Each structure stands twice: as structure tokens, then as C-alpha cells.
Amino acid sequence: MDAAEWVYDVEFVIAEPDDQPAPERRTLRVQVTDPDPQPQSGPAIAIIHRALREAIREADPEAYACIRNPDDLVIIKLRATT
């Protein structure tokens, strides 16, 4: 099966240390290519998570620098736009 393209609005937070105020909720639009799409299914969350990290790196390098490990980036909500 050929790769499939998906576009999502992703609401997320970048986790802060425990002594910091609650993290700011943000939303970015990400385009995802699923190399192995399954019928009646979107891409795996790991693929979306990687695409989101890349979108943050491009849009806000300072925020990207705050992501020390993948667990720091928390997806709250996904909305498919296509």
C-alpha cells in the first residue's frame, strides 16, 4: 500500500519541572506521512509525535530546546483537518 498523507491540528504542552507554573497549551498544524497505512486507520501516534517535534523545532527553536526527552512533549488533543 502507498504512503498516506494526513494533516492534524495538534494541541500539546511541553512539560515543565514540578516547581514551575502549569505549561502553556499550544496548537500546531502538522502534516504526517504514514509509510505503512492500515485500512480505516490513521497513522500511529509515534509518527504524529515525531512530526510534532519537528514542527516545534521549525516554528519555535526556543521551545524545542525545552524538550529534554520525548516524555516532555504531551499531546492533549488531535483533530484531523483532511
N, C-alpha and C. Protein backbone atom coordinates (compact mmCIF):
# COMPACT_ATOMS: atom_id res chain seq x y z
N MET A 1 0.84 -1.17 0.00
CA MET A 1 0.00 0.00 0.00
C MET A 1 0.89 1.24 0.00
N ASP A 2 0.51 2.29 -0.74
CA ASP A 2 1.28 3.53 -0.80
C ASP A 2 1.15 4.32 0.50
N ALA A 3 2.13 5.20 0.70
CA ALA A 3 2.10 6.07 1.88
C ALA A 3 0.86 6.97 1.82
N ALA A 4 0.36 7.34 2.98
CA ALA A 4 -0.82 8.19 3.09
C ALA A 4 -0.43 9.50 3.77
N GLU A 5 -1.07 10.59 3.35
CA GLU A 5 -0.84 11.91 3.93
C GLU A 5 -1.99 12.27 4.86
N TRP A 6 -1.68 12.84 6.01
CA TRP A 6 -2.66 13.28 6.98
C TRP A 6 -2.26 14.66 7.47
N VAL A 7 -3.24 15.49 7.82
CA VAL A 7 -2.99 16.80 8.40
C VAL A 7 -3.80 16.89 9.69
N TYR A 8 -3.12 17.28 10.76
CA TYR A 8 -3.76 17.37 12.08
C TYR A 8 -3.48 18.73 12.71
N ASP A 9 -4.47 19.23 13.44
CA ASP A 9 -4.23 20.29 14.40
C ASP A 9 -3.97 19.58 15.72
N VAL A 10 -2.80 19.82 16.30
CA VAL A 10 -2.38 19.10 17.50
C VAL A 10 -2.28 20.09 18.65
N GLU A 11 -3.06 19.86 19.69
CA GLU A 11 -2.94 20.65 20.91
C GLU A 11 -1.99 19.90 21.83
N PHE A 12 -1.02 20.62 22.40
CA PHE A 12 0.02 19.97 23.18
C PHE A 12 0.55 20.90 24.26
N VAL A 13 1.31 20.33 25.16
CA VAL A 13 2.08 21.10 26.15
C VAL A 13 3.49 20.51 26.19
N ILE A 14 4.43 21.37 26.57
CA ILE A 14 5.78 20.91 26.85
C ILE A 14 5.89 20.94 28.37
N ALA A 15 6.09 19.77 28.95
CA ALA A 15 6.10 19.64 30.41
C ALA A 15 7.18 20.51 31.03
N GLU A 16 6.84 21.10 32.15
CA GLU A 16 7.77 21.94 32.91
C GLU A 16 8.19 21.18 34.16
N PRO A 17 9.33 21.56 34.75
CA PRO A 17 9.70 20.95 36.03
C PRO A 17 8.58 21.18 37.06
N ASP A 18 8.51 20.33 38.05
CA ASP A 18 7.42 20.37 39.03
C ASP A 18 7.26 21.71 39.74
N ASP A 19 8.33 22.46 39.89
CA ASP A 19 8.25 23.72 40.62
C ASP A 19 7.86 24.90 39.74
N GLN A 20 7.53 24.65 38.48
CA GLN A 20 7.16 25.71 37.55
C GLN A 20 5.64 25.80 37.42
N PRO A 21 5.13 26.95 36.93
CA PRO A 21 3.68 27.05 36.71
C PRO A 21 3.22 26.05 35.64
N ALA A 22 1.92 25.87 35.56
CA ALA A 22 1.35 24.95 34.56
C ALA A 22 1.83 25.34 33.16
N PRO A 23 2.16 24.36 32.34
CA PRO A 23 2.65 24.67 31.00
C PRO A 23 1.55 25.27 30.12
N GLU A 24 1.99 26.06 29.16
CA GLU A 24 1.09 26.71 28.21
C GLU A 24 0.60 25.69 27.18
N ARG A 25 -0.70 25.68 26.95
CA ARG A 25 -1.25 24.84 25.88
C ARG A 25 -1.03 25.54 24.55
N ARG A 26 -0.57 24.79 23.58
CA ARG A 26 -0.31 25.34 22.25
C ARG A 26 -0.95 24.44 21.21
N THR A 27 -1.13 24.98 20.02
CA THR A 27 -1.65 24.19 18.90
C THR A 27 -0.80 24.46 17.68
N LEU A 28 -0.43 23.40 16.99
CA LEU A 28 0.28 23.48 15.72
C LEU A 28 -0.40 22.57 14.71
N ARG A 29 -0.35 22.96 13.46
CA ARG A 29 -0.83 22.09 12.38
C ARG A 29 0.37 21.30 11.87
N VAL A 30 0.22 20.00 11.81
CA VAL A 30 1.30 19.15 11.32
C VAL A 30 0.80 18.27 10.18
N GLN A 31 1.68 18.06 9.22
CA GLN A 31 1.39 17.14 8.12
C GLN A 31 2.20 15.88 8.37
N VAL A 32 1.54 14.75 8.26
CA VAL A 32 2.15 13.47 8.59
C VAL A 32 2.06 12.55 7.39
N THR A 33 3.17 11.88 7.09
CA THR A 33 3.18 10.84 6.08
C THR A 33 3.29 9.51 6.80
N ASP A 34 2.30 8.67 6.60
CA ASP A 34 2.31 7.34 7.20
C ASP A 34 2.86 6.37 6.17
N PRO A 35 4.06 5.83 6.39
CA PRO A 35 4.68 4.96 5.39
C PRO A 35 4.00 3.60 5.24
N ASP A 36 3.22 3.20 6.23
CA ASP A 36 2.57 1.89 6.19
C ASP A 36 1.13 2.01 6.69
N PRO A 37 0.28 2.72 5.92
CA PRO A 37 -1.08 2.94 6.40
C PRO A 37 -1.88 1.64 6.46
N GLN A 38 -2.74 1.58 7.46
CA GLN A 38 -3.63 0.44 7.62
C GLN A 38 -5.04 0.87 7.20
N PRO A 39 -5.81 -0.01 6.60
CA PRO A 39 -7.17 0.36 6.19
C PRO A 39 -7.99 0.88 7.37
N GLN A 40 -8.77 1.95 7.14
CA GLN A 40 -9.67 2.52 8.14
C GLN A 40 -8.92 3.01 9.38
N SER A 41 -7.68 3.45 9.22
CA SER A 41 -6.89 3.85 10.38
C SER A 41 -5.98 5.01 10.01
N GLY A 42 -5.72 5.88 10.96
CA GLY A 42 -4.76 6.95 10.78
C GLY A 42 -3.37 6.47 11.16
N PRO A 43 -2.40 7.37 11.12
CA PRO A 43 -1.03 6.98 11.46
C PRO A 43 -0.87 6.69 12.95
N ALA A 44 0.14 5.94 13.26
CA ALA A 44 0.45 5.63 14.66
C ALA A 44 0.79 6.92 15.40
N ILE A 45 0.47 6.97 16.67
CA ILE A 45 0.72 8.17 17.48
C ILE A 45 2.20 8.52 17.50
N ALA A 46 3.09 7.54 17.42
CA ALA A 46 4.52 7.82 17.42
C ALA A 46 4.92 8.63 16.18
N ILE A 47 4.28 8.37 15.06
CA ILE A 47 4.57 9.12 13.83
C ILE A 47 4.11 10.57 14.00
N ILE A 48 2.94 10.75 14.60
CA ILE A 48 2.42 12.10 14.84
C ILE A 48 3.32 12.83 15.84
N HIS A 49 3.77 12.15 16.87
CA HIS A 49 4.63 12.73 17.90
C HIS A 49 5.93 13.22 17.26
N ARG A 50 6.54 12.42 16.40
CA ARG A 50 7.78 12.83 15.71
C ARG A 50 7.54 14.04 14.82
N ALA A 51 6.42 14.04 14.09
CA ALA A 51 6.10 15.17 13.21
C ALA A 51 5.87 16.44 14.03
N LEU A 52 5.25 16.30 15.20
CA LEU A 52 5.03 17.46 16.06
C LEU A 52 6.35 18.01 16.57
N ARG A 53 7.25 17.14 17.02
CA ARG A 53 8.57 17.62 17.48
C ARG A 53 9.28 18.39 16.36
N GLU A 54 9.22 17.90 15.14
CA GLU A 54 9.85 18.58 14.01
C GLU A 54 9.18 19.93 13.75
N ALA A 55 7.85 19.98 13.83
CA ALA A 55 7.13 21.24 13.62
C ALA A 55 7.50 22.27 14.69
N ILE A 56 7.65 21.82 15.93
CA ILE A 56 8.06 22.73 17.01
C ILE A 56 9.49 23.22 16.75
N ARG A 57 10.36 22.33 16.33
CA ARG A 57 11.75 22.72 16.05
C ARG A 57 11.81 23.83 15.02
N GLU A 58 10.98 23.71 13.98
CA GLU A 58 10.96 24.72 12.92
C GLU A 58 10.27 26.01 13.35
N ALA A 59 9.17 25.90 14.10
CA ALA A 59 8.37 27.07 14.45
C ALA A 59 8.91 27.83 15.66
N ASP A 60 9.51 27.13 16.61
CA ASP A 60 9.91 27.76 17.86
C ASP A 60 11.13 27.04 18.43
N PRO A 61 12.32 27.35 17.91
CA PRO A 61 13.52 26.65 18.39
C PRO A 61 13.74 26.77 19.90
N GLU A 62 13.32 27.87 20.49
CA GLU A 62 13.48 28.04 21.94
C GLU A 62 12.62 27.03 22.70
N ALA A 63 11.38 26.86 22.26
CA ALA A 63 10.51 25.85 22.90
C ALA A 63 11.05 24.45 22.65
N TYR A 64 11.57 24.22 21.43
CA TYR A 64 12.12 22.90 21.10
C TYR A 64 13.27 22.55 22.05
N ALA A 65 14.08 23.55 22.42
CA ALA A 65 15.21 23.32 23.31
C ALA A 65 14.75 22.86 24.70
N CYS A 66 13.50 23.15 25.05
CA CYS A 66 12.96 22.74 26.36
C CYS A 66 12.55 21.27 26.38
N ILE A 67 12.49 20.63 25.23
CA ILE A 67 12.11 19.22 25.16
C ILE A 67 13.38 18.40 25.42
N ARG A 68 13.54 17.96 26.65
CA ARG A 68 14.74 17.22 27.02
C ARG A 68 14.63 15.73 26.67
N ASN A 69 13.42 15.21 26.67
CA ASN A 69 13.20 13.83 26.23
C ASN A 69 11.77 13.77 25.69
N PRO A 70 11.43 12.74 24.93
CA PRO A 70 10.10 12.67 24.30
C PRO A 70 8.93 12.75 25.28
N ASP A 71 9.14 12.32 26.54
CA ASP A 71 8.05 12.38 27.52
C ASP A 71 7.70 13.81 27.91
N ASP A 72 8.57 14.77 27.61
CA ASP A 72 8.29 16.17 27.92
C ASP A 72 7.22 16.76 27.01
N LEU A 73 6.99 16.14 25.87
CA LEU A 73 6.01 16.64 24.91
C LEU A 73 4.73 15.80 25.03
N VAL A 74 3.66 16.45 25.49
CA VAL A 74 2.41 15.74 25.77
C VAL A 74 1.34 16.20 24.80
N ILE A 75 0.83 15.28 24.01
CA ILE A 75 -0.27 15.58 23.09
C ILE A 75 -1.58 15.51 23.88
N ILE A 76 -2.35 16.60 23.81
CA ILE A 76 -3.62 16.66 24.54
C ILE A 76 -4.77 16.30 23.63
N LYS A 77 -4.74 16.83 22.39
CA LYS A 77 -5.87 16.60 21.50
C LYS A 77 -5.40 16.63 20.06
N LEU A 78 -5.96 15.74 19.24
CA LEU A 78 -5.71 15.71 17.80
C LEU A 78 -7.02 15.98 17.08
N ARG A 79 -6.92 16.77 16.01
CA ARG A 79 -8.10 16.98 15.17
C ARG A 79 -7.65 16.87 13.72
N ALA A 80 -8.16 15.87 13.02
CA ALA A 80 -7.83 15.72 11.61
C ALA A 80 -8.47 16.84 10.82
N THR A 81 -7.71 17.43 9.90
CA THR A 81 -8.24 18.53 9.10
C THR A 81 -8.53 18.11 7.68
N THR A 82 -8.19 16.88 7.32
CA THR A 82 -8.49 16.40 5.96
C THR A 82 -9.32 15.14 6.02
